[in-house]
Amino acid sequence: MTPITPNPGQPDPLDNIQGNLIGFNKDHQRFIFVQFPDAVGGKGLLADLASSIARASEVLEFNDLFKKVQDRGADAGTVEATWTNIALTGPGLEILGAPDRERMPEEFRQGMAAAAARIGDVEDSAPTTWVAPFNNPALIHAVVLIAADDPDDLEACYAGLQAKLQARNVHELGHFDGATRPGANRGHEHFGFKDGISQPGIAGLTKSSKGRDEIATGEFVIGYPDQDGNVSGTTPAPAPQPGQPGYGPNNPPPPAAGLPEWAKDGSFYVFRRLRQNVQGFNDFLSQQAAAVGLSPDQLGTKLVGRWKSGAPLERTRTQDPNFDPTAVDPSIADPSILSDEHINDFDYEPQDADGHLVPRAAHIRKTNPRSEDPPTEAVSNRHRILRRGAPYGPDFSPGEPAYPGSGSPPDNQDRGLLFACYQASILAGFEFIQQSWANTPGFPQADDGRDPIISQDVNNPDFHLPPHDPHLVTQRWVITTGGEYFFSPSISTLHLFATS
């Protein structure tokens, strides 16, 4: 893939793209949702923030320095930064008077709540149950993200933001904090599994997080060639292919071609607040494992597709073909399996076409099928996203009860994931993965079942666990409690909106 370079007379893309698309990688994050009083107040806030918005070039430089300090064995805590980014909703663009905003994709302009039937946010996850401010999405005009290595720096930056909001009469609707879990749980989500292992690299910008795929810039950033060589934002997202699993007739049509010129160097940003029922998940593993001849830990790895350490449930390319990676976490005997070189060094075919190692409906296999056929690696790589979220809430304490039915847990037991991702098309990225893969029981093959972790569109979905028959009947352990679709504009576009 060709690195992205500036065009004559145009801003350097790395100085123009907001930095969190690269990945802030901070231990502390705060997502602040705001409402503009009018165009003047909104433009004023953008003008106040524009000079302090973290750029991709800054984040790349900092992350490279941080890694060098770590590699030398020095205290990486001596290298710290605090970053700010902002993203706008459809109503936010409207109140700002953004030109040609009607050319933005319909799913973005309508918002996440309108997509609930498509993406499976029903019953306990329906928008009517969502927490503020997502229970009134028309009021949300923007989200400001603050990320810091030090919690005191986060609070200082937030205090400065509050002063700017007050000066422009911008109303904070609420905020949510995410933070890396402490101690041995660092890097793990609340079910206990290592998270963020298989992040794609952005061709010309970043390497993959663990040494695997580099995906065309245009899959994530507007205005650059995508995997097919088409320039994102000027051509439709890939259309569903009739008859191929995962491309069902209920897929929405591809977005209209031709986004506004100001969309270049921007990206669509999806935010979801996902509550995790840890005790409910643990209870299921304890109650069902023996019936399928597995331990609770083994059953959990089958549902997710990795051991809690992050070790692959597939054999890596360096492991003996007779080795069984499902019997016990291989990283216990060989910690090197968790290295960047090995942790992602596997594929599903041809060794595991029938899912005897990683079931075809396992979470990581559903959401990134790799070279599995269907859909093939070429198709898989047209539906990649950059995940940039963080866990929220207190760590789980053994003995806590499972969440009661559709009721909300007390604050001291409300935990989960503040999921966030970037993509050049919401339809081809987040919505496609959720609807056509995670929620489709016939993907990749008939009767495989739904993703047991993130699919919420039916109660008690089936999960095919080879060679066991009949299928397992799973439960909802992840509940959507809010979310919205945003657009992360370039730095130059923020200046444009602030001054036009």
Protein backbone atom coordinates (compact mmCIF):
# COMPACT_ATOMS: atom_id res chain seq x y z
CA MET A 1 0.00 0.00 0.00
CA THR A 2 1.24 3.50 -0.86
CA PRO A 3 1.83 5.87 2.07
CA ILE A 4 -0.44 8.89 2.09
CA THR A 5 1.35 12.08 1.13
CA PRO A 6 0.26 15.71 0.91
CA ASN A 7 -1.02 17.11 -2.37
CA PRO A 8 0.49 20.42 -3.50
CA GLY A 9 -1.18 23.26 -1.65
CA GLN A 10 -3.07 20.88 0.67
CA PRO A 11 -2.47 20.22 4.38
CA ASP A 12 -0.20 17.31 5.30
CA PRO A 13 -2.70 14.50 6.04
CA LEU A 14 -0.89 13.61 9.25
CA ASP A 15 -1.25 17.20 10.44
CA ASN A 16 -4.90 17.31 9.35
CA ILE A 17 -6.34 14.01 10.64
CA GLN A 18 -7.46 13.98 14.29
CA GLY A 19 -5.12 11.89 16.40
CA ASN A 20 -7.37 9.29 18.02
CA LEU A 21 -7.82 7.58 14.67
CA ILE A 22 -4.18 6.57 15.15
CA GLY A 23 -4.93 5.55 18.74
CA PHE A 24 -4.39 7.65 21.85
CA ASN A 25 -3.55 4.54 23.92
CA LYS A 26 -4.17 6.34 27.20
CA ASP A 27 -5.08 4.80 30.55
CA HIS A 28 -7.76 7.43 31.29
CA GLN A 29 -10.46 8.71 28.92
CA ARG A 30 -13.50 10.93 29.32
CA PHE A 31 -16.24 11.18 26.69
CA ILE A 32 -18.13 14.48 27.11
CA PHE A 33 -21.41 14.92 25.20
CA VAL A 34 -22.46 18.50 24.51
CA GLN A 35 -25.30 20.56 23.05
CA PHE A 36 -24.65 23.82 21.19
CA PRO A 37 -27.01 26.68 22.11
CA ASP A 38 -26.95 27.96 18.52
CA ALA A 39 -24.58 28.32 15.58
CA VAL A 40 -22.64 31.13 17.25
CA GLY A 41 -21.98 29.11 20.40
CA GLY A 42 -21.04 25.97 18.46
CA LYS A 43 -18.68 27.81 16.13
CA GLY A 44 -17.16 29.60 19.11
CA LEU A 45 -16.42 26.31 20.86
CA LEU A 46 -14.81 24.88 17.72
CA ALA A 47 -12.67 28.00 17.43
CA ASP A 48 -11.63 27.69 21.08
CA LEU A 49 -10.75 24.00 20.70
CA ALA A 50 -9.25 23.90 17.21
CA SER A 51 -5.69 24.79 18.20
CA SER A 52 -5.63 22.17 20.98
CA ILE A 53 -7.01 19.23 18.98
CA ALA A 54 -4.45 16.43 18.87
CA ARG A 55 -3.24 15.64 15.36
CA ALA A 56 -2.24 12.27 13.92
CA SER A 57 1.34 13.48 13.48
CA GLU A 58 1.63 14.35 17.18
CA VAL A 59 0.15 11.03 18.32
CA LEU A 60 2.39 9.02 16.01
CA GLU A 61 5.46 10.86 17.27
CA PHE A 62 4.47 10.42 20.92
CA ASN A 63 3.57 6.73 20.56
CA ASP A 64 6.90 6.06 18.86
CA LEU A 65 8.78 7.81 21.69
CA PHE A 66 6.74 5.95 24.32
CA LYS A 67 7.60 2.59 22.73
CA LYS A 68 11.30 3.45 22.52
CA VAL A 69 11.33 4.33 26.23
CA GLN A 70 9.58 1.04 27.05
CA ASP A 71 11.95 -0.97 24.85
CA ARG A 72 14.92 0.47 26.74
CA GLY A 73 13.41 -0.74 30.00
CA ALA A 74 12.98 2.80 31.30
CA ASP A 75 9.93 4.03 33.18
CA ALA A 76 7.44 4.87 30.43
CA GLY A 77 5.56 6.97 32.98
CA THR A 78 8.16 9.67 32.46
CA VAL A 79 6.65 10.24 28.98
CA GLU A 80 3.11 11.59 29.33
CA ALA A 81 0.61 13.50 27.24
CA THR A 82 -2.99 14.66 27.34
CA TRP A 83 -4.98 14.67 24.11
CA THR A 84 -8.29 16.21 22.99
CA ASN A 85 -10.45 15.32 19.95
CA ILE A 86 -14.00 16.23 18.90
CA ALA A 87 -16.63 14.62 16.68
CA LEU A 88 -20.00 15.93 15.49
CA THR A 89 -23.46 14.41 15.02
CA GLY A 90 -25.88 15.04 12.17
CA PRO A 91 -27.84 17.53 14.33
CA GLY A 92 -24.51 19.14 15.24
CA LEU A 93 -23.64 19.69 11.58
CA GLU A 94 -27.12 21.11 11.04
CA ILE A 95 -26.93 23.69 13.81
CA LEU A 96 -23.46 24.71 12.60
CA GLY A 97 -24.84 25.17 9.08
CA ALA A 98 -22.25 22.85 7.51
CA PRO A 99 -22.50 23.21 3.72
CA ASP A 100 -23.74 20.24 1.67
CA ARG A 101 -24.52 18.31 4.86
CA GLU A 102 -27.39 16.57 3.04
CA ARG A 103 -24.70 14.66 1.12
CA MET A 104 -23.61 12.89 4.29
CA PRO A 105 -24.83 9.26 4.46
CA GLU A 106 -28.40 8.72 5.59
CA GLU A 107 -27.49 6.30 8.40
CA PHE A 108 -25.21 8.97 9.90
CA ARG A 109 -27.82 11.72 9.62
CA GLN A 110 -30.53 9.52 11.18
CA GLY A 111 -28.32 8.35 14.07
CA MET A 112 -27.83 5.10 15.93
CA ALA A 113 -31.25 4.93 17.58
CA ALA A 114 -32.87 4.85 14.13
CA ALA A 115 -30.64 1.89 13.24
CA ALA A 116 -31.79 -0.21 16.22
CA ALA A 117 -33.83 -2.71 14.20
CA ARG A 118 -30.96 -3.17 11.71
CA ILE A 119 -28.22 -3.73 14.25
CA GLY A 120 -30.24 -5.68 16.82
CA ASP A 121 -30.67 -3.15 19.61
CA VAL A 122 -34.00 -4.57 20.77
CA GLU A 123 -35.78 -5.41 24.05
CA ASP A 124 -33.31 -4.78 26.91
CA SER A 125 -31.04 -2.93 24.45
CA ALA A 126 -33.77 -0.88 22.74
CA PRO A 127 -33.26 2.90 22.54
CA THR A 128 -36.26 3.40 24.83
CA THR A 129 -34.13 1.92 27.65
CA TRP A 130 -30.98 3.96 26.96
CA VAL A 131 -29.41 6.17 29.60
CA ALA A 132 -29.03 9.95 29.26
CA PRO A 133 -28.07 11.64 27.03
CA PHE A 134 -28.76 8.91 24.48
CA ASN A 135 -32.46 8.82 25.44
CA ASN A 136 -32.78 12.17 23.63
CA PRO A 137 -30.26 11.95 20.79
CA ALA A 138 -31.46 15.06 18.98
CA LEU A 139 -29.85 17.12 21.75
CA ILE A 140 -26.39 15.63 21.20
CA HIS A 141 -24.36 17.86 18.89
CA ALA A 142 -20.83 16.71 19.64
CA VAL A 143 -18.63 14.50 21.76
CA VAL A 144 -15.35 15.81 23.12
CA LEU A 145 -12.82 13.13 24.03
CA ILE A 146 -10.09 13.83 26.58
CA ALA A 147 -7.41 11.15 27.07
CA ALA A 148 -4.48 11.24 29.47
CA ASP A 149 -1.81 9.06 31.02
CA ASP A 150 -2.33 10.70 34.41
CA PRO A 151 -5.81 11.12 36.00
CA ASP A 152 -4.84 14.51 37.44
CA ASP A 153 -3.95 15.73 33.95
CA LEU A 154 -7.33 14.48 32.73
CA GLU A 155 -9.13 16.50 35.41
CA ALA A 156 -7.09 19.61 34.66
CA CYS A 157 -7.92 19.37 30.96
CA TYR A 158 -11.59 18.77 31.76
CA ALA A 159 -11.66 21.87 33.98
CA GLY A 160 -10.29 23.89 31.09
CA LEU A 161 -12.92 22.44 28.77
CA GLN A 162 -15.70 23.30 31.23
CA ALA A 163 -14.55 26.92 31.22
CA LYS A 164 -14.71 26.98 27.42
CA LEU A 165 -18.19 25.41 27.44
CA GLN A 166 -19.44 27.98 29.95
CA ALA A 167 -17.97 30.88 27.99
CA ARG A 168 -19.87 29.79 24.87
CA ASN A 169 -23.07 28.73 26.66
CA VAL A 170 -22.53 25.17 25.46
CA HIS A 171 -24.38 22.67 27.66
CA GLU A 172 -22.71 19.48 28.86
CA LEU A 173 -25.32 16.71 28.63
CA GLY A 174 -23.20 14.25 30.57
CA HIS A 175 -19.94 12.35 30.38
CA PHE A 176 -18.61 8.83 30.79
CA ASP A 177 -15.19 7.77 32.03
CA GLY A 178 -13.21 4.83 30.72
CA ALA A 179 -9.98 3.56 32.21
CA THR A 180 -7.52 0.75 31.81
CA ARG A 181 -8.17 -1.88 34.46
CA PRO A 182 -5.51 -2.04 37.19
CA GLY A 183 -2.84 -4.62 38.04
CA ALA A 184 -3.06 -8.08 36.51
CA ASN A 185 -6.27 -7.05 34.72
CA ARG A 186 -4.48 -4.39 32.67
CA GLY A 187 -5.50 -4.65 29.03
CA HIS A 188 -8.39 -7.02 29.80
CA GLU A 189 -12.10 -6.31 29.47
CA HIS A 190 -14.51 -7.17 32.31
CA PHE A 191 -15.18 -10.78 31.27
CA GLY A 192 -11.45 -11.21 31.79
CA PHE A 193 -10.20 -11.50 28.21
CA LYS A 194 -7.26 -9.60 26.77
CA ASP A 195 -8.69 -6.96 24.44
CA GLY A 196 -7.52 -5.02 21.39
CA ILE A 197 -5.19 -7.73 20.12
CA SER A 198 -6.15 -7.86 16.45
CA GLN A 199 -6.16 -4.22 15.37
CA PRO A 200 -5.45 -3.60 11.68
CA GLY A 201 -2.65 -1.31 10.65
CA ILE A 202 -3.39 1.73 8.49
CA ALA A 203 -1.31 1.48 5.33
CA GLY A 204 1.14 4.36 5.16
CA LEU A 205 0.42 5.41 8.75
CA THR A 206 0.65 2.63 11.32
CA LYS A 207 1.61 -0.98 11.66
CA SER A 208 -0.91 -3.56 12.79
CA SER A 209 -1.02 -3.87 16.57
CA LYS A 210 0.29 -7.41 16.54
CA GLY A 211 2.07 -7.82 13.25
CA ARG A 212 -0.72 -8.82 10.90
CA ASP A 213 -2.94 -6.92 8.45
CA GLU A 214 -2.24 -3.51 6.99
CA ILE A 215 -5.45 -2.17 5.48
CA ALA A 216 -5.78 0.60 2.88
CA THR A 217 -6.12 4.07 4.36
CA GLY A 218 -9.38 4.66 2.52
CA GLU A 219 -11.15 2.02 4.60
CA PHE A 220 -10.81 4.38 7.57
CA VAL A 221 -10.17 7.91 6.27
CA ILE A 222 -12.25 9.78 3.69
CA GLY A 223 -10.49 10.72 0.46
CA TYR A 224 -7.99 7.88 0.00
CA PRO A 225 -7.90 4.60 -1.95
CA ASP A 226 -9.65 1.69 -0.25
CA GLN A 227 -8.87 -2.03 -0.59
CA ASP A 228 -10.38 -2.04 -4.09
CA GLY A 229 -8.53 1.09 -5.19
CA ASN A 230 -11.61 3.31 -5.06
CA VAL A 231 -11.36 6.64 -3.27
CA SER A 232 -13.46 6.58 -0.11
CA GLY A 233 -16.20 9.16 0.04
CA THR A 234 -16.50 9.33 -3.76
CA THR A 235 -17.69 5.78 -4.49
CA PRO A 236 -20.29 3.58 -2.78
CA ALA A 237 -19.38 1.07 -0.10
CA PRO A 238 -19.35 -2.56 -1.30
CA ALA A 239 -22.84 -3.74 -2.17
CA PRO A 240 -24.23 -6.92 -0.63
CA GLN A 241 -23.65 -10.00 -2.75
CA PRO A 242 -26.90 -11.99 -3.09
CA GLY A 243 -26.70 -15.61 -2.05
CA GLN A 244 -23.42 -15.30 -0.13
CA PRO A 245 -23.73 -15.92 3.63
CA GLY A 246 -23.48 -12.72 5.58
CA TYR A 247 -24.87 -10.66 2.71
CA GLY A 248 -28.55 -11.18 3.30
CA PRO A 249 -31.46 -9.44 1.59
CA ASN A 250 -32.11 -7.19 4.60
CA ASN A 251 -28.84 -5.31 4.23
CA PRO A 252 -29.43 -1.60 3.69
CA PRO A 253 -28.33 -0.19 0.32
CA PRO A 254 -24.83 1.26 -0.02
CA PRO A 255 -24.47 4.96 0.82
CA ALA A 256 -24.74 7.55 -1.92
CA ALA A 257 -21.44 8.48 -3.51
CA GLY A 258 -19.92 11.91 -3.20
CA LEU A 259 -19.49 13.21 0.35
CA PRO A 260 -18.91 16.95 0.84
CA GLU A 261 -15.40 18.18 0.04
CA TRP A 262 -14.88 19.09 3.69
CA ALA A 263 -15.23 15.38 4.64
CA LYS A 264 -11.71 14.65 3.33
CA ASP A 265 -9.29 13.55 6.06
CA GLY A 266 -12.27 12.84 8.31
CA SER A 267 -13.73 9.57 9.56
CA PHE A 268 -17.04 8.26 10.87
CA TYR A 269 -16.93 7.58 14.60
CA VAL A 270 -19.26 5.12 16.33
CA PHE A 271 -19.75 5.23 20.12
CA ARG A 272 -21.63 2.59 22.15
CA ARG A 273 -22.04 2.14 25.88
CA LEU A 274 -22.14 -1.63 26.44
CA ARG A 275 -23.00 -3.02 29.89
CA GLN A 276 -21.48 -6.42 30.73
CA ASN A 277 -23.21 -8.93 33.01
CA VAL A 278 -20.08 -10.62 34.39
CA GLN A 279 -21.79 -12.88 36.94
CA GLY A 280 -24.37 -13.95 34.37
CA PHE A 281 -21.55 -14.90 31.98
CA ASN A 282 -19.65 -16.77 34.70
CA ASP A 283 -22.79 -18.59 35.83
CA PHE A 284 -23.46 -19.80 32.31
CA LEU A 285 -19.91 -21.16 31.95
CA SER A 286 -20.15 -22.97 35.30
CA GLN A 287 -23.56 -24.45 34.55
CA GLN A 288 -23.00 -25.50 30.93
CA ALA A 289 -19.35 -26.53 30.69
CA ALA A 290 -19.65 -30.07 32.02
CA ALA A 291 -22.51 -30.88 29.65
CA VAL A 292 -20.22 -30.28 26.65
CA GLY A 293 -17.16 -31.91 28.21
CA LEU A 294 -15.23 -28.73 28.89
CA SER A 295 -14.07 -26.73 31.88
CA PRO A 296 -15.62 -23.28 32.39
CA ASP A 297 -12.38 -21.66 31.17
CA GLN A 298 -12.35 -23.82 28.06
CA LEU A 299 -15.98 -23.01 27.28
CA GLY A 300 -15.29 -19.30 27.68
CA THR A 301 -12.39 -19.51 25.23
CA LYS A 302 -14.65 -21.30 22.72
CA LEU A 303 -17.22 -18.49 22.92
CA VAL A 304 -14.60 -15.76 22.52
CA GLY A 305 -12.00 -17.53 20.34
CA ARG A 306 -8.95 -16.83 22.55
CA TRP A 307 -7.79 -17.69 26.04
CA LYS A 308 -8.11 -14.92 28.63
CA SER A 309 -4.40 -14.23 28.26
CA GLY A 310 -4.95 -13.51 24.57
CA ALA A 311 -3.25 -16.74 23.51
CA PRO A 312 -4.76 -18.08 20.28
CA LEU A 313 -7.14 -21.00 20.40
CA GLU A 314 -5.89 -21.81 16.90
CA ARG A 315 -2.47 -23.32 16.27
CA THR A 316 -0.02 -20.65 15.21
CA ARG A 317 2.18 -21.29 12.19
CA THR A 318 5.14 -22.24 14.38
CA GLN A 319 3.28 -24.83 16.48
CA ASP A 320 3.35 -28.56 15.80
CA PRO A 321 0.34 -29.69 13.71
CA ASN A 322 -0.45 -32.27 16.41
CA PHE A 323 -0.48 -29.70 19.22
CA ASP A 324 -3.89 -29.12 20.85
CA PRO A 325 -4.19 -25.42 21.80
CA THR A 326 -7.66 -25.98 23.28
CA ALA A 327 -6.63 -28.24 26.17
CA VAL A 328 -4.87 -25.60 28.24
CA ASP A 329 -3.70 -22.03 27.68
CA PRO A 330 -0.42 -22.55 25.77
CA SER A 331 1.06 -19.30 27.10
CA ILE A 332 1.38 -20.89 30.55
CA ALA A 333 4.15 -23.16 29.28
CA ASP A 334 5.35 -20.83 26.53
CA PRO A 335 4.89 -17.10 27.29
CA SER A 336 6.40 -16.26 23.91
CA ILE A 337 3.05 -17.12 22.34
CA LEU A 338 1.86 -13.72 23.64
CA SER A 339 4.57 -11.81 21.77
CA ASP A 340 3.65 -9.53 18.88
CA GLU A 341 5.34 -12.02 16.57
CA HIS A 342 3.15 -15.00 17.54
CA ILE A 343 -0.14 -13.91 19.13
CA ASN A 344 -1.80 -13.17 15.79
CA ASP A 345 0.12 -15.63 13.62
CA PHE A 346 -2.76 -17.92 12.65
CA ASP A 347 -5.62 -18.36 10.24
CA TYR A 348 -8.83 -20.38 10.24
CA GLU A 349 -8.36 -22.23 7.00
CA PRO A 350 -7.39 -24.82 6.01
CA GLN A 351 -6.60 -26.23 9.47
CA ASP A 352 -9.91 -25.32 11.14
CA ALA A 353 -12.52 -25.11 8.41
CA ASP A 354 -15.04 -27.03 10.53
CA GLY A 355 -14.47 -24.95 13.67
CA HIS A 356 -13.19 -27.76 15.89
CA LEU A 357 -10.62 -25.37 17.39
CA VAL A 358 -12.37 -21.98 17.14
CA PRO A 359 -16.11 -22.36 16.48
CA ARG A 360 -17.18 -20.45 13.39
CA ALA A 361 -19.54 -18.36 15.55
CA ALA A 362 -16.89 -17.44 18.14
CA HIS A 363 -16.66 -13.69 18.73
CA ILE A 364 -13.25 -13.04 17.15
CA ARG A 365 -14.02 -15.31 14.18
CA LYS A 366 -17.40 -13.68 13.51
CA THR A 367 -16.05 -10.13 13.62
CA ASN A 368 -12.86 -10.80 11.63
CA PRO A 369 -13.16 -13.98 9.51
CA ARG A 370 -9.66 -13.49 8.08
CA SER A 371 -9.19 -15.76 5.05
CA GLU A 372 -12.21 -17.92 5.79
CA ASP A 373 -14.19 -18.80 2.66
CA PRO A 374 -16.86 -17.51 2.74
CA PRO A 375 -16.37 -14.60 2.90
CA THR A 376 -12.67 -14.70 1.72
CA GLU A 377 -9.90 -12.46 2.99
CA ALA A 378 -10.57 -9.85 0.30
CA VAL A 379 -14.13 -9.39 1.55
CA SER A 380 -13.11 -9.50 5.21
CA ASN A 381 -10.67 -6.66 4.64
CA ARG A 382 -13.43 -4.46 3.19
CA HIS A 383 -15.15 -4.51 6.59
CA ARG A 384 -12.46 -3.59 9.10
CA ILE A 385 -12.73 -0.97 11.84
CA LEU A 386 -10.29 0.78 14.18
CA ARG A 387 -11.42 0.13 17.77
CA ARG A 388 -10.58 2.91 20.21
CA GLY A 389 -12.73 2.23 23.29
CA ALA A 390 -12.07 1.62 26.98
CA PRO A 391 -13.57 -0.38 29.89
CA TYR A 392 -15.77 1.51 32.33
CA GLY A 393 -16.95 0.81 35.85
CA PRO A 394 -15.48 -1.02 38.87
CA ASP A 395 -13.85 -4.42 38.65
CA PHE A 396 -16.12 -7.37 39.32
CA SER A 397 -16.07 -8.82 42.84
CA PRO A 398 -16.76 -12.56 43.26
CA GLY A 399 -20.13 -13.09 44.90
CA GLU A 400 -21.90 -10.22 43.18
CA PRO A 401 -25.26 -11.34 41.81
CA ALA A 402 -26.07 -11.50 38.13
CA TYR A 403 -27.96 -8.49 36.86
CA PRO A 404 -31.69 -8.82 37.61
CA GLY A 405 -33.65 -9.31 34.38
CA SER A 406 -33.99 -6.04 32.54
CA GLY A 407 -33.25 -3.97 35.63
CA SER A 408 -30.21 -1.74 35.89
CA PRO A 409 -27.47 -2.64 38.39
CA PRO A 410 -26.44 -0.19 41.09
CA ASP A 411 -23.68 2.23 40.11
CA ASN A 412 -21.07 0.27 42.02
CA GLN A 413 -21.81 -2.78 39.85
CA ASP A 414 -22.40 -1.07 36.50
CA ARG A 415 -19.46 -2.04 34.31
CA GLY A 416 -18.74 -2.68 30.68
CA LEU A 417 -17.13 -1.22 27.61
CA LEU A 418 -17.23 2.26 26.11
CA PHE A 419 -16.92 0.93 22.59
CA ALA A 420 -15.68 3.35 19.94
CA CYS A 421 -14.49 2.79 16.40
CA TYR A 422 -13.49 4.64 13.24
CA GLN A 423 -14.34 3.74 9.64
CA ALA A 424 -14.87 5.45 6.27
CA SER A 425 -18.40 4.02 6.06
CA ILE A 426 -20.66 3.13 8.98
CA LEU A 427 -22.63 0.76 6.73
CA ALA A 428 -19.56 -1.09 5.52
CA GLY A 429 -17.86 -0.99 8.91
CA PHE A 430 -19.71 -1.18 12.22
CA GLU A 431 -23.20 -1.91 10.87
CA PHE A 432 -22.04 -4.59 8.46
CA ILE A 433 -20.03 -6.42 11.12
CA GLN A 434 -22.89 -6.23 13.62
CA GLN A 435 -25.77 -7.06 11.27
CA SER A 436 -24.36 -9.28 8.55
CA TRP A 437 -21.80 -11.19 10.58
CA ALA A 438 -22.44 -11.08 14.35
CA ASN A 439 -26.26 -11.26 14.13
CA THR A 440 -26.51 -13.68 11.20
CA PRO A 441 -26.82 -17.33 12.33
CA GLY A 442 -26.02 -18.55 8.82
CA PHE A 443 -22.67 -16.76 8.64
CA PRO A 444 -20.19 -17.98 7.68
CA GLN A 445 -22.09 -21.24 7.16
CA ALA A 446 -25.60 -22.48 7.81
CA ASP A 447 -26.54 -23.04 11.47
CA ASP A 448 -23.26 -21.67 12.88
CA GLY A 449 -25.21 -19.41 15.24
CA ARG A 450 -24.86 -15.82 16.43
CA ASP A 451 -21.87 -14.10 18.01
CA PRO A 452 -22.35 -15.04 21.70
CA ILE A 453 -20.73 -11.83 22.97
CA ILE A 454 -22.08 -8.88 21.00
CA SER A 455 -25.20 -10.18 19.23
CA GLN A 456 -28.33 -8.96 21.04
CA ASP A 457 -31.10 -9.25 18.44
CA VAL A 458 -32.79 -12.37 19.88
CA ASN A 459 -33.15 -13.98 23.29
CA ASN A 460 -31.30 -17.27 23.89
CA PRO A 461 -29.51 -17.55 20.53
CA ASP A 462 -27.97 -20.81 19.31
CA PHE A 463 -24.21 -21.36 19.19
CA HIS A 464 -22.69 -24.25 17.25
CA LEU A 465 -19.85 -25.82 19.27
CA PRO A 466 -18.29 -28.60 17.17
CA PRO A 467 -18.45 -31.52 17.62
CA HIS A 468 -21.27 -31.14 20.17
CA ASP A 469 -24.88 -31.48 19.10
CA PRO A 470 -27.42 -30.02 19.72
CA HIS A 471 -26.22 -26.43 19.73
CA LEU A 472 -25.63 -24.51 22.93
CA VAL A 473 -28.34 -22.01 23.85
CA THR A 474 -26.61 -18.87 25.09
CA GLN A 475 -27.87 -15.67 26.73
CA ARG A 476 -27.46 -11.91 26.48
CA TRP A 477 -24.50 -10.87 28.61
CA VAL A 478 -23.88 -7.55 26.83
CA ILE A 479 -26.58 -4.87 26.76
CA THR A 480 -26.50 -1.62 24.82
CA THR A 481 -27.29 1.29 27.14
CA GLY A 482 -26.67 4.08 24.65
CA GLY A 483 -24.78 5.14 21.60
CA GLU A 484 -24.58 7.51 18.65
CA TYR A 485 -23.01 8.05 15.23
CA PHE A 486 -20.52 10.91 14.84
CA PHE A 487 -18.22 12.37 12.20
CA SER A 488 -14.64 13.22 13.17
CA PRO A 489 -13.70 16.15 10.90
CA SER A 490 -10.21 17.10 9.85
CA ILE A 491 -8.41 19.96 11.59
CA SER A 492 -8.88 22.19 8.53
CA THR A 493 -12.62 21.40 8.48
CA LEU A 494 -12.94 22.33 12.15
CA HIS A 495 -11.40 25.71 11.28
CA LEU A 496 -13.78 25.98 8.32
CA PHE A 497 -16.84 25.31 10.46
CA ALA A 498 -15.62 27.74 13.12
CA THR A 499 -15.17 30.64 10.73
CA SER A 500 -17.75 30.19 7.96
